[in-house]
């Protein structure tokens, strides 16, 4: 279903963001909105890099893997990963690639404060 094509990349992005990009570090000051710490506040509440990864993954999956509206399987990878597996892997991979570009500064805001594991 289309829900798998939205939820899949979100799951992949969350895993990559926590494990790889932020290296399992959580900013408690930002998490509980203490002081002027804003590690988790993005553009009007939306992480534009994450949304871009979701959109690219969604379009790629519809065009090249499986179209849930027509029921047409376009790639054999669908038989192995299903729609949600493919989109989770691709969404996480795109987010990881974005973290290796200058977009990393946007993704890792306010990281100079004390962090706990």
PDB file of N, CA and C in Angstrom:
ATOM      1  N   UNK A   1       0.834  -1.192   0.000  1.00  0.00           N
ATOM      2  CA  UNK A   1       0.000   0.000   0.000  1.00  0.00           C
ATOM      3  C   UNK A   1       0.875   1.250   0.000  1.00  0.00           C
ATOM      4  N   UNK A   2       0.271   2.381  -0.226  1.00  0.00           N
ATOM      5  CA  UNK A   2       1.012   3.649  -0.239  1.00  0.00           C
ATOM      6  C   UNK A   2       1.555   3.995   1.144  1.00  0.00           C
ATOM      7  N   UNK A   3       0.892   3.529   2.192  1.00  0.00           N
ATOM      8  CA  UNK A   3       1.374   3.812   3.551  1.00  0.00           C
ATOM      9  C   UNK A   3       2.767   3.247   3.764  1.00  0.00           C
ATOM     10  N   UNK A   4       3.044   2.074   3.199  1.00  0.00           N
ATOM     11  CA  UNK A   4       4.377   1.466   3.325  1.00  0.00           C
ATOM     12  C   UNK A   4       5.424   2.321   2.627  1.00  0.00           C
ATOM     13  N   UNK A   5       5.007   3.027   1.592  1.00  0.00           N
ATOM     14  CA  UNK A   5       5.940   3.865   0.838  1.00  0.00           C
ATOM     15  C   UNK A   5       6.238   5.176   1.553  1.00  0.00           C
ATOM     16  N   UNK A   6       5.456   5.522   2.548  1.00  0.00           N
ATOM     17  CA  UNK A   6       5.726   6.702   3.370  1.00  0.00           C
ATOM     18  C   UNK A   6       6.391   6.279   4.682  1.00  0.00           C
ATOM     19  N   UNK A   7       5.860   5.247   5.322  1.00  0.00           N
ATOM     20  CA  UNK A   7       6.396   4.798   6.608  1.00  0.00           C
ATOM     21  C   UNK A   7       7.760   4.136   6.477  1.00  0.00           C
ATOM     22  N   UNK A   8       7.985   3.411   5.389  1.00  0.00           N
ATOM     23  CA  UNK A   8       9.260   2.727   5.176  1.00  0.00           C
ATOM     24  C   UNK A   8      10.458   3.669   5.221  1.00  0.00           C
ATOM     25  N   UNK A   9      10.468   4.721   4.394  1.00  0.00           N
ATOM     26  CA  UNK A   9      11.621   5.619   4.438  1.00  0.00           C
ATOM     27  C   UNK A   9      11.747   6.365   5.769  1.00  0.00           C
ATOM     28  N   UNK A  10      10.638   6.633   6.423  1.00  0.00           N
ATOM     29  CA  UNK A  10      10.708   7.296   7.737  1.00  0.00           C
ATOM     30  C   UNK A  10      11.448   6.400   8.721  1.00  0.00           C
ATOM     31  N   UNK A  11      11.145   5.121   8.725  1.00  0.00           N
ATOM     32  CA  UNK A  11      11.832   4.178   9.612  1.00  0.00           C
ATOM     33  C   UNK A  11      13.316   4.117   9.273  1.00  0.00           C
ATOM     34  N   UNK A  12      13.644   4.023   7.982  1.00  0.00           N
ATOM     35  CA  UNK A  12      15.041   3.993   7.563  1.00  0.00           C
ATOM     36  C   UNK A  12      15.790   5.243   7.966  1.00  0.00           C
ATOM     37  N   UNK A  13      15.157   6.393   7.819  1.00  0.00           N
ATOM     38  CA  UNK A  13      15.776   7.672   8.181  1.00  0.00           C
ATOM     39  C   UNK A  13      16.002   7.753   9.685  1.00  0.00           C
ATOM     40  N   UNK A  14      15.026   7.331  10.476  1.00  0.00           N
ATOM     41  CA  UNK A  14      15.164   7.366  11.935  1.00  0.00           C
ATOM     42  C   UNK A  14      16.344   6.508  12.384  1.00  0.00           C
ATOM     43  N   UNK A  15      16.451   5.312  11.842  1.00  0.00           N
ATOM     44  CA  UNK A  15      17.538   4.403  12.219  1.00  0.00           C
ATOM     45  C   UNK A  15      18.895   4.998  11.838  1.00  0.00           C
ATOM     46  N   UNK A  16      19.014   5.479  10.606  1.00  0.00           N
ATOM     47  CA  UNK A  16      20.285   6.056  10.151  1.00  0.00           C
ATOM     48  C   UNK A  16      20.617   7.324  10.931  1.00  0.00           C
ATOM     49  N   UNK A  17      19.614   8.159  11.194  1.00  0.00           N
ATOM     50  CA  UNK A  17      19.851   9.408  11.922  1.00  0.00           C
ATOM     51  C   UNK A  17      20.395   9.119  13.318  1.00  0.00           C
ATOM     52  N   UNK A  18      19.783   8.189  14.016  1.00  0.00           N
ATOM     53  CA  UNK A  18      20.208   7.884  15.387  1.00  0.00           C
ATOM     54  C   UNK A  18      21.532   7.130  15.432  1.00  0.00           C
ATOM     55  N   UNK A  19      21.663   6.073  14.648  1.00  0.00           N
ATOM     56  CA  UNK A  19      22.839   5.219  14.738  1.00  0.00           C
ATOM     57  C   UNK A  19      24.073   5.772  14.035  1.00  0.00           C
ATOM     58  N   UNK A  20      23.893   6.371  12.856  1.00  0.00           N
ATOM     59  CA  UNK A  20      25.038   6.780  12.051  1.00  0.00           C
ATOM     60  C   UNK A  20      25.294   8.281  12.107  1.00  0.00           C
ATOM     61  N   UNK A  21      24.272   9.075  11.835  1.00  0.00           N
ATOM     62  CA  UNK A  21      24.477  10.524  11.754  1.00  0.00           C
ATOM     63  C   UNK A  21      24.749  11.117  13.137  1.00  0.00           C
ATOM     64  N   UNK A  22      23.902  10.814  14.097  1.00  0.00           N
ATOM     65  CA  UNK A  22      24.068  11.389  15.441  1.00  0.00           C
ATOM     66  C   UNK A  22      24.886  10.501  16.364  1.00  0.00           C
ATOM     67  N   UNK A  23      25.310   9.359  15.883  1.00  0.00           N
ATOM     68  CA  UNK A  23      26.189   8.435  16.611  1.00  0.00           C
ATOM     69  C   UNK A  23      25.660   8.093  18.001  1.00  0.00           C
ATOM     70  N   UNK A  24      24.357   7.820  18.082  1.00  0.00           N
ATOM     71  CA  UNK A  24      23.684   7.425  19.320  1.00  0.00           C
ATOM     72  C   UNK A  24      23.766   8.464  20.423  1.00  0.00           C
ATOM     73  N   UNK A  25      23.944   9.718  20.070  1.00  0.00           N
ATOM     74  CA  UNK A  25      23.992  10.800  21.062  1.00  0.00           C
ATOM     75  C   UNK A  25      22.649  11.538  21.041  1.00  0.00           C
ATOM     76  N   UNK A  26      22.136  11.782  22.224  1.00  0.00           N
ATOM     77  CA  UNK A  26      20.878  12.505  22.369  1.00  0.00           C
ATOM     78  C   UNK A  26      21.144  13.795  23.128  1.00  0.00           C
ATOM     79  N   UNK A  27      20.597  14.871  22.657  1.00  0.00           N
ATOM     80  CA  UNK A  27      20.723  16.157  23.330  1.00  0.00           C
ATOM     81  C   UNK A  27      19.514  16.332  24.245  1.00  0.00           C
ATOM     82  N   UNK A  28      19.708  16.078  25.524  1.00  0.00           N
ATOM     83  CA  UNK A  28      18.598  16.192  26.462  1.00  0.00           C
ATOM     84  C   UNK A  28      18.144  17.638  26.636  1.00  0.00           C
ATOM     85  N   UNK A  29      19.053  18.580  26.536  1.00  0.00           N
ATOM     86  CA  UNK A  29      18.667  19.993  26.658  1.00  0.00           C
ATOM     87  C   UNK A  29      17.727  20.392  25.528  1.00  0.00           C
ATOM     88  N   UNK A  30      18.015  19.917  24.332  1.00  0.00           N
ATOM     89  CA  UNK A  30      17.125  20.213  23.206  1.00  0.00           C
ATOM     90  C   UNK A  30      15.842  19.393  23.293  1.00  0.00           C
ATOM     91  N   UNK A  31      15.970  18.154  23.729  1.00  0.00           N
ATOM     92  CA  UNK A  31      14.817  17.271  23.811  1.00  0.00           C
ATOM     93  C   UNK A  31      13.749  17.838  24.745  1.00  0.00           C
ATOM     94  N   UNK A  32      14.197  18.399  25.876  1.00  0.00           N
ATOM     95  CA  UNK A  32      13.258  18.959  26.846  1.00  0.00           C
ATOM     96  C   UNK A  32      13.144  20.473  26.749  1.00  0.00           C
ATOM     97  N   UNK A  33      13.653  21.040  25.653  1.00  0.00           N
ATOM     98  CA  UNK A  33      13.518  22.464  25.362  1.00  0.00           C
ATOM     99  C   UNK A  33      14.035  23.335  26.507  1.00  0.00           C
ATOM    100  N   UNK A  34      15.237  23.021  26.987  1.00  0.00           N
ATOM    101  CA  UNK A  34      15.860  23.774  28.071  1.00  0.00           C
ATOM    102  C   UNK A  34      16.774  24.841  27.474  1.00  0.00           C
ATOM    103  N   UNK A  35      16.505  26.064  27.816  1.00  0.00           N
ATOM    104  CA  UNK A  35      17.351  27.160  27.339  1.00  0.00           C
ATOM    105  C   UNK A  35      17.228  27.382  25.839  1.00  0.00           C
ATOM    106  N   UNK A  36      18.324  27.776  25.274  1.00  0.00           N
ATOM    107  CA  UNK A  36      18.361  28.106  23.848  1.00  0.00           C
ATOM    108  C   UNK A  36      18.956  26.969  23.016  1.00  0.00           C
ATOM    109  N   UNK A  37      18.646  25.750  23.329  1.00  0.00           N
ATOM    110  CA  UNK A  37      19.170  24.598  22.599  1.00  0.00           C
ATOM    111  C   UNK A  37      18.111  24.096  21.628  1.00  0.00           C
ATOM    112  N   UNK A  38      18.505  23.971  20.359  1.00  0.00           N
ATOM    113  CA  UNK A  38      17.534  23.657  19.316  1.00  0.00           C
ATOM    114  C   UNK A  38      18.039  22.589  18.349  1.00  0.00           C
ATOM    115  N   UNK A  39      18.592  21.516  18.849  1.00  0.00           N
ATOM    116  CA  UNK A  39      19.131  20.464  17.982  1.00  0.00           C
ATOM    117  C   UNK A  39      18.049  19.768  17.167  1.00  0.00           C
ATOM    118  N   UNK A  40      16.813  19.808  17.622  1.00  0.00           N
ATOM    119  CA  UNK A  40      15.755  19.073  16.936  1.00  0.00           C
ATOM    120  C   UNK A  40      14.687  19.980  16.324  1.00  0.00           C
ATOM    121  N   UNK A  41      14.974  21.253  16.216  1.00  0.00           N
ATOM    122  CA  UNK A  41      14.030  22.177  15.577  1.00  0.00           C
ATOM    123  C   UNK A  41      14.533  22.472  14.176  1.00  0.00           C
ATOM    124  N   UNK A  42      13.699  22.200  13.204  1.00  0.00           N
ATOM    125  CA  UNK A  42      14.073  22.404  11.815  1.00  0.00           C
ATOM    126  C   UNK A  42      13.155  23.449  11.186  1.00  0.00           C
ATOM    127  N   UNK A  43      13.115  23.523   9.901  1.00  0.00           N
ATOM    128  CA  UNK A  43      12.355  24.517   9.164  1.00  0.00           C
ATOM    129  C   UNK A  43      10.859  24.342   9.405  1.00  0.00           C
ATOM    130  N   UNK A  44      10.267  25.256  10.156  1.00  0.00           N
ATOM    131  CA  UNK A  44       8.844  25.203  10.506  1.00  0.00           C
ATOM    132  C   UNK A  44       8.429  23.826  11.037  1.00  0.00           C
ATOM    133  N   UNK A  45       9.330  23.174  11.763  1.00  0.00           N
ATOM    134  CA  UNK A  45       9.035  21.878  12.358  1.00  0.00           C
ATOM    135  C   UNK A  45       9.289  20.694  11.447  1.00  0.00           C
ATOM    136  N   UNK A  46       9.806  20.929  10.247  1.00  0.00           N
ATOM    137  CA  UNK A  46      10.045  19.855   9.295  1.00  0.00           C
ATOM    138  C   UNK A  46      11.517  19.774   8.930  1.00  0.00           C
ATOM    139  N   UNK A  47      12.060  18.575   8.950  1.00  0.00           N
ATOM    140  CA  UNK A  47      13.424  18.335   8.487  1.00  0.00           C
ATOM    141  C   UNK A  47      13.345  18.201   6.966  1.00  0.00           C
ATOM    142  N   UNK A  48      13.753  19.243   6.255  1.00  0.00           N
ATOM    143  CA  UNK A  48      13.614  19.265   4.805  1.00  0.00           C
ATOM    144  C   UNK A  48      14.468  18.203   4.117  1.00  0.00           C
ATOM    145  N   UNK A  49      15.605  17.862   4.691  1.00  0.00           N
ATOM    146  CA  UNK A  49      16.439  16.797   4.123  1.00  0.00           C
ATOM    147  C   UNK A  49      15.691  15.468   4.211  1.00  0.00           C
ATOM    148  N   UNK A  50      15.103  15.186   5.360  1.00  0.00           N
ATOM    149  CA  UNK A  50      14.323  13.963   5.530  1.00  0.00           C
ATOM    150  C   UNK A  50      13.127  13.914   4.598  1.00  0.00           C
ATOM    151  N   UNK A  51      12.406  15.020   4.466  1.00  0.00           N
ATOM    152  CA  UNK A  51      11.256  15.054   3.558  1.00  0.00           C
ATOM    153  C   UNK A  51      11.681  14.830   2.113  1.00  0.00           C
ATOM    154  N   UNK A  52      12.825  15.401   1.735  1.00  0.00           N
ATOM    155  CA  UNK A  52      13.343  15.201   0.382  1.00  0.00           C
ATOM    156  C   UNK A  52      13.674  13.736   0.136  1.00  0.00           C
ATOM    157  N   UNK A  53      14.279  13.090   1.123  1.00  0.00           N
ATOM    158  CA  UNK A  53      14.612  11.663   1.002  1.00  0.00           C
ATOM    159  C   UNK A  53      13.345  10.815   0.874  1.00  0.00           C
ATOM    160  N   UNK A  54      12.309  11.158   1.627  1.00  0.00           N
ATOM    161  CA  UNK A  54      11.044  10.430   1.551  1.00  0.00           C
ATOM    162  C   UNK A  54      10.431  10.592   0.167  1.00  0.00           C
ATOM    163  N   UNK A  55      10.423  11.804  -0.355  1.00  0.00           N
ATOM    164  CA  UNK A  55       9.829  12.076  -1.666  1.00  0.00           C
ATOM    165  C   UNK A  55      10.583  11.343  -2.779  1.00  0.00           C
ATOM    166  N   UNK A  56      11.897  11.405  -2.757  1.00  0.00           N
ATOM    167  CA  UNK A  56      12.704  10.722  -3.778  1.00  0.00           C
ATOM    168  C   UNK A  56      12.481   9.212  -3.706  1.00  0.00           C
ATOM    169  N   UNK A  57      12.453   8.676  -2.500  1.00  0.00           N
ATOM    170  CA  UNK A  57      12.228   7.238  -2.323  1.00  0.00           C
ATOM    171  C   UNK A  57      10.847   6.832  -2.819  1.00  0.00           C
ATOM    172  N   UNK A  58       9.840   7.617  -2.487  1.00  0.00           N
ATOM    173  CA  UNK A  58       8.461   7.340  -2.905  1.00  0.00           C
ATOM    174  C   UNK A  58       8.356   7.300  -4.428  1.00  0.00           C
ATOM    175  N   UNK A  59       8.898   8.316  -5.078  1.00  0.00           N
ATOM    176  CA  UNK A  59       8.827   8.393  -6.544  1.00  0.00           C
ATOM    177  C   UNK A  59       9.600   7.236  -7.188  1.00  0.00           C
ATOM    178  N   UNK A  60      10.787   6.947  -6.676  1.00  0.00           N
ATOM    179  CA  UNK A  60      11.594   5.849  -7.216  1.00  0.00           C
ATOM    180  C   UNK A  60      10.870   4.519  -7.074  1.00  0.00           C
ATOM    181  N   UNK A  61      10.282   4.276  -5.917  1.00  0.00           N
ATOM    182  CA  UNK A  61       9.577   3.009  -5.680  1.00  0.00           C
ATOM    183  C   UNK A  61       8.375   2.866  -6.612  1.00  0.00           C
ATOM    184  N   UNK A  62       7.625   3.930  -6.796  1.00  0.00           N
ATOM    185  CA  UNK A  62       6.451   3.890  -7.683  1.00  0.00           C
ATOM    186  C   UNK A  62       6.867   3.649  -9.131  1.00  0.00           C
ATOM    187  N   UNK A  63       7.920   4.340  -9.578  1.00  0.00           N
ATOM    188  CA  UNK A  63       8.327   4.245 -10.986  1.00  0.00           C
ATOM    189  C   UNK A  63       9.086   2.971 -11.329  1.00  0.00           C
ATOM    190  N   UNK A  64       9.898   2.459 -10.385  1.00  0.00           N
ATOM    191  CA  UNK A  64      10.809   1.381 -10.752  1.00  0.00           C
ATOM    192  C   UNK A  64      10.644   0.069  -9.985  1.00  0.00           C
ATOM    193  N   UNK A  65       9.885   0.061  -8.899  1.00  0.00           N
ATOM    194  CA  UNK A  65       9.777  -1.163  -8.097  1.00  0.00           C
ATOM    195  C   UNK A  65       8.366  -1.737  -8.139  1.00  0.00           C
ATOM    196  N   UNK A  66       7.403  -1.006  -7.637  1.00  0.00           N
ATOM    197  CA  UNK A  66       6.031  -1.504  -7.564  1.00  0.00           C
ATOM    198  C   UNK A  66       5.074  -0.329  -7.478  1.00  0.00           C
ATOM    199  N   UNK A  67       4.030  -0.379  -8.280  1.00  0.00           N
ATOM    200  CA  UNK A  67       3.010   0.650  -8.237  1.00  0.00           C
ATOM    201  C   UNK A  67       1.774   0.068  -7.555  1.00  0.00           C
ATOM    202  N   UNK A  68       1.498   0.494  -6.313  1.00  0.00           N
ATOM    203  CA  UNK A  68       0.357  -0.086  -5.591  1.00  0.00           C
ATOM    204  C   UNK A  68      -0.995   0.273  -6.202  1.00  0.00           C
ATOM    205  N   UNK A  69      -1.077   1.359  -6.953  1.00  0.00           N
ATOM    206  CA  UNK A  69      -2.346   1.746  -7.560  1.00  0.00           C
ATOM    207  C   UNK A  69      -2.725   0.788  -8.692  1.00  0.00           C
ATOM    208  N   UNK A  70      -1.748   0.407  -9.508  1.00  0.00           N
ATOM    209  CA  UNK A  70      -2.036  -0.481 -10.631  1.00  0.00           C
ATOM    210  C   UNK A  70      -1.744  -1.942 -10.305  1.00  0.00           C
ATOM    211  N   UNK A  71      -0.969  -2.209  -9.239  1.00  0.00           N
ATOM    212  CA  UNK A  71      -0.609  -3.569  -8.868  1.00  0.00           C
ATOM    213  C   UNK A  71       0.478  -4.172  -9.736  1.00  0.00           C
ATOM    214  N   UNK A  72       1.189  -3.333 -10.479  1.00  0.00           N
ATOM    215  CA  UNK A  72       2.225  -3.817 -11.389  1.00  0.00           C
ATOM    216  C   UNK A  72       3.573  -3.855 -10.676  1.00  0.00           C
ATOM    217  N   UNK A  73       4.178  -5.045 -10.640  1.00  0.00           N
ATOM    218  CA  UNK A  73       5.525  -5.200 -10.084  1.00  0.00           C
ATOM    219  C   UNK A  73       6.504  -4.898 -11.206  1.00  0.00           C
ATOM    220  N   UNK A  74       7.384  -3.926 -10.997  1.00  0.00           N
ATOM    221  CA  UNK A  74       8.303  -3.488 -12.042  1.00  0.00           C
ATOM    222  C   UNK A  74       9.723  -3.993 -11.830  1.00  0.00           C
ATOM    223  N   UNK A  75      10.015  -4.556 -10.659  1.00  0.00           N
ATOM    224  CA  UNK A  75      11.352  -5.058 -10.370  1.00  0.00           C
ATOM    225  C   UNK A  75      11.253  -6.287  -9.475  1.00  0.00           C
ATOM    226  N   UNK A  76      12.160  -7.241  -9.701  1.00  0.00           N
ATOM    227  CA  UNK A  76      12.182  -8.445  -8.866  1.00  0.00           C
ATOM    228  C   UNK A  76      12.612  -8.153  -7.429  1.00  0.00           C
ATOM    229  N   UNK A  77      13.224  -6.997  -7.193  1.00  0.00           N
ATOM    230  CA  UNK A  77      13.632  -6.647  -5.826  1.00  0.00           C
ATOM    231  C   UNK A  77      12.413  -6.573  -4.901  1.00  0.00           C
ATOM    232  N   UNK A  78      11.256  -6.279  -5.465  1.00  0.00           N
ATOM    233  CA  UNK A  78      10.016  -6.219  -4.683  1.00  0.00           C
ATOM    234  C   UNK A  78       9.703  -7.581  -4.062  1.00  0.00           C
ATOM    235  N   UNK A  79      10.023  -8.659  -4.775  1.00  0.00           N
ATOM    236  CA  UNK A  79       9.732 -10.006  -4.285  1.00  0.00           C
ATOM    237  C   UNK A  79      10.603 -10.361  -3.075  1.00  0.00           C
ATOM    238  N   UNK A  80      11.747  -9.695  -2.926  1.00  0.00           N
ATOM    239  CA  UNK A  80      12.659  -9.964  -1.813  1.00  0.00           C
ATOM    240  C   UNK A  80      12.398  -9.015  -0.642  1.00  0.00           C
ATOM    241  N   UNK A  81      12.281  -7.718  -0.942  1.00  0.00           N
ATOM    242  CA  UNK A  81      12.202  -6.717   0.126  1.00  0.00           C
ATOM    243  C   UNK A  81      10.785  -6.241   0.428  1.00  0.00           C
ATOM    244  N   UNK A  82       9.854  -6.477  -0.451  1.00  0.00           N
ATOM    245  CA  UNK A  82       8.517  -5.874  -0.438  1.00  0.00           C
ATOM    246  C   UNK A  82       8.648  -4.359  -0.556  1.00  0.00           C
ATOM    247  N   UNK A  83       7.553  -3.664  -0.599  1.00  0.00           N
ATOM    248  CA  UNK A  83       7.594  -2.215  -0.760  1.00  0.00           C
ATOM    249  C   UNK A  83       8.192  -1.498   0.436  1.00  0.00           C
ATOM    250  N   UNK A  84       7.801  -1.906   1.632  1.00  0.00           N
ATOM    251  CA  UNK A  84       8.286  -1.207   2.819  1.00  0.00           C
ATOM    252  C   UNK A  84       9.764  -1.487   3.077  1.00  0.00           C
ATOM    253  N   UNK A  85      10.227  -2.695   2.802  1.00  0.00           N
ATOM    254  CA  UNK A  85      11.645  -3.007   2.983  1.00  0.00           C
ATOM    255  C   UNK A  85      12.521  -2.212   2.037  1.00  0.00           C
ATOM    256  N   UNK A  86      12.116  -2.162   0.776  1.00  0.00           N
ATOM    257  CA  UNK A  86      12.878  -1.384  -0.205  1.00  0.00           C
ATOM    258  C   UNK A  86      12.932   0.086   0.168  1.00  0.00           C
ATOM    259  N   UNK A  87      11.776   0.650   0.538  1.00  0.00           N
ATOM    260  CA  UNK A  87      11.750   2.078   0.848  1.00  0.00           C
ATOM    261  C   UNK A  87      12.499   2.394   2.135  1.00  0.00           C
ATOM    262  N   UNK A  88      12.485   1.497   3.112  1.00  0.00           N
ATOM    263  CA  UNK A  88      13.250   1.723   4.351  1.00  0.00           C
ATOM    264  C   UNK A  88      14.740   1.747   4.051  1.00  0.00           C
ATOM    265  N   UNK A  89      15.199   0.800   3.240  1.00  0.00           N
ATOM    266  CA  UNK A  89      16.618   0.758   2.886  1.00  0.00           C
ATOM    267  C   UNK A  89      17.012   1.972   2.056  1.00  0.00           C
ATOM    268  N   UNK A  90      16.219   2.297   1.048  1.00  0.00           N
ATOM    269  CA  UNK A  90      16.564   3.422   0.182  1.00  0.00           C
ATOM    270  C   UNK A  90      16.475   4.757   0.922  1.00  0.00           C
ATOM    271  N   UNK A  91      15.446   4.945   1.743  1.00  0.00           N
ATOM    272  CA  UNK A  91      15.314   6.185   2.507  1.00  0.00           C
ATOM    273  C   UNK A  91      16.484   6.386   3.452  1.00  0.00           C
ATOM    274  N   UNK A  92      16.866   5.327   4.166  1.00  0.00           N
ATOM    275  CA  UNK A  92      18.018   5.399   5.063  1.00  0.00           C
ATOM    276  C   UNK A  92      19.305   5.656   4.306  1.00  0.00           C
ATOM    277  N   UNK A  93      19.477   5.003   3.166  1.00  0.00           N
ATOM    278  CA  UNK A  93      20.677   5.186   2.348  1.00  0.00           C
ATOM    279  C   UNK A  93      20.778   6.618   1.826  1.00  0.00           C
ATOM    280  N   UNK A  94      19.678   7.163   1.348  1.00  0.00           N
ATOM    281  CA  UNK A  94      19.686   8.554   0.866  1.00  0.00           C
ATOM    282  C   UNK A  94      20.012   9.535   1.992  1.00  0.00           C
ATOM    283  N   UNK A  95      19.456   9.291   3.165  1.00  0.00           N
ATOM    284  CA  UNK A  95      19.712  10.172   4.304  1.00  0.00           C
ATOM    285  C   UNK A  95      21.175  10.109   4.718  1.00  0.00           C
ATOM    286  N   UNK A  96      21.751   8.911   4.680  1.00  0.00           N
ATOM    287  CA  UNK A  96      23.172   8.729   5.008  1.00  0.00           C
ATOM    288  C   UNK A  96      24.045   9.445   3.983  1.00  0.00           C
ATOM    289  N   UNK A  97      23.708   9.333   2.707  1.00  0.00           N
ATOM    290  CA  UNK A  97      24.462  10.033   1.658  1.00  0.00           C
ATOM    291  C   UNK A  97      24.355  11.540   1.860  1.00  0.00           C
ATOM    292  N   UNK A  98      23.162  12.029   2.188  1.00  0.00           N
ATOM    293  CA  UNK A  98      22.978  13.473   2.435  1.00  0.00           C
ATOM    294  C   UNK A  98      23.834  13.941   3.601  1.00  0.00           C
ATOM    295  N   UNK A  99      24.024  13.060   4.593  1.00  0.00           N
ATOM    296  CA  UNK A  99      24.831  13.419   5.769  1.00  0.00           C
ATOM    297  C   UNK A  99      26.315  13.555   5.429  1.00  0.00           C
ATOM    298  N   UNK A 100      26.725  13.082   4.283  1.00  0.00           N
ATOM    299  CA  UNK A 100      28.120  13.210   3.861  1.00  0.00           C
ATOM    300  C   UNK A 100      28.344  14.430   2.961  1.00  0.00           C
ATOM    301  N   UNK A 101      27.327  15.253   2.798  1.00  0.00           N
ATOM    302  CA  UNK A 101      27.406  16.462   1.984  1.00  0.00           C
ATOM    303  C   UNK A 101      27.325  17.676   2.914  1.00  0.00           C
ATOM    304  N   UNK A 102      27.386  18.876   2.368  1.00  0.00           N
ATOM    305  CA  UNK A 102      27.203  20.066   3.216  1.00  0.00           C
ATOM    306  C   UNK A 102      25.851  20.134   3.935  1.00  0.00           C
ATOM    307  N   UNK A 103      24.899  19.303   3.546  1.00  0.00           N
ATOM    308  CA  UNK A 103      23.612  19.256   4.256  1.00  0.00           C
ATOM    309  C   UNK A 103      23.773  18.776   5.694  1.00  0.00           C
ATOM    310  N   UNK A 104      24.918  18.160   6.004  1.00  0.00           N
ATOM    311  CA  UNK A 104      25.187  17.664   7.356  1.00  0.00           C
ATOM    312  C   UNK A 104      25.041  18.775   8.396  1.00  0.00           C
ATOM    313  N   UNK A 105      25.443  19.986   8.036  1.00  0.00           N
ATOM    314  CA  UNK A 105      25.347  21.115   8.978  1.00  0.00           C
ATOM    315  C   UNK A 105      23.881  21.376   9.355  1.00  0.00           C
ATOM    316  N   UNK A 106      22.989  21.239   8.394  1.00  0.00           N
ATOM    317  CA  UNK A 106      21.553  21.402   8.659  1.00  0.00           C
ATOM    318  C   UNK A 106      21.034  20.261   9.530  1.00  0.00           C
ATOM    319  N   UNK A 107      21.527  19.061   9.282  1.00  0.00           N
ATOM    320  CA  UNK A 107      21.056  17.874   9.989  1.00  0.00           C
ATOM    321  C   UNK A 107      21.577  17.803  11.421  1.00  0.00           C
ATOM    322  N   UNK A 108      22.720  18.401  11.688  1.00  0.00           N
ATOM    323  CA  UNK A 108      23.332  18.348  13.019  1.00  0.00           C
ATOM    324  C   UNK A 108      23.425  19.746  13.617  1.00  0.00           C
ATOM    325  N   UNK A 109      22.311  20.292  13.985  1.00  0.00           N
ATOM    326  CA  UNK A 109      22.280  21.624  14.583  1.00  0.00           C
ATOM    327  C   UNK A 109      22.615  21.562  16.061  1.00  0.00           C
ATOM    328  N   UNK A 110      23.212  22.630  16.556  1.00  0.00           N
ATOM    329  CA  UNK A 110      23.394  22.816  17.998  1.00  0.00           C
ATOM    330  C   UNK A 110      24.086  21.616  18.645  1.00  0.00           C
ATOM    331  N   UNK A 111      25.114  21.079  18.002  1.00  0.00           N
ATOM    332  CA  UNK A 111      25.760  19.881  18.516  1.00  0.00           C
ATOM    333  C   UNK A 111      26.943  20.183  19.433  1.00  0.00           C
ATOM    334  N   UNK A 112      27.194  21.421  19.778  1.00  0.00           N
ATOM    335  CA  UNK A 112      28.316  21.766  20.639  1.00  0.00           C
ATOM    336  C   UNK A 112      27.977  21.661  22.121  1.00  0.00           C
ATOM    337  N   UNK A 113      26.729  21.430  22.439  1.00  0.00           N
ATOM    338  CA  UNK A 113      26.334  21.316  23.832  1.00  0.00           C
ATOM    339  C   UNK A 113      26.704  19.942  24.385  1.00  0.00           C
ATOM    340  N   UNK A 114      26.592  19.763  25.674  1.00  0.00           N
ATOM    341  CA  UNK A 114      26.899  18.469  26.299  1.00  0.00           C
ATOM    342  C   UNK A 114      25.847  17.458  25.887  1.00  0.00           C
ATOM    343  N   UNK A 115      26.286  16.281  25.508  1.00  0.00           N
ATOM    344  CA  UNK A 115      25.378  15.236  25.072  1.00  0.00           C
ATOM    345  C   UNK A 115      25.607  13.986  25.889  1.00  0.00           C
ATOM    346  N   UNK A 116      24.586  13.195  26.018  1.00  0.00           N
ATOM    347  CA  UNK A 116      24.658  11.950  26.756  1.00  0.00           C
ATOM    348  C   UNK A 116      24.312  10.805  25.828  1.00  0.00           C
ATOM    349  N   UNK A 117      24.865   9.628  26.114  1.00  0.00           N
ATOM    350  CA  UNK A 117      24.532   8.443  25.309  1.00  0.00           C
ATOM    351  C   UNK A 117      23.350   7.743  25.899  1.00  0.00           C
TER     352      UNK A 117
END
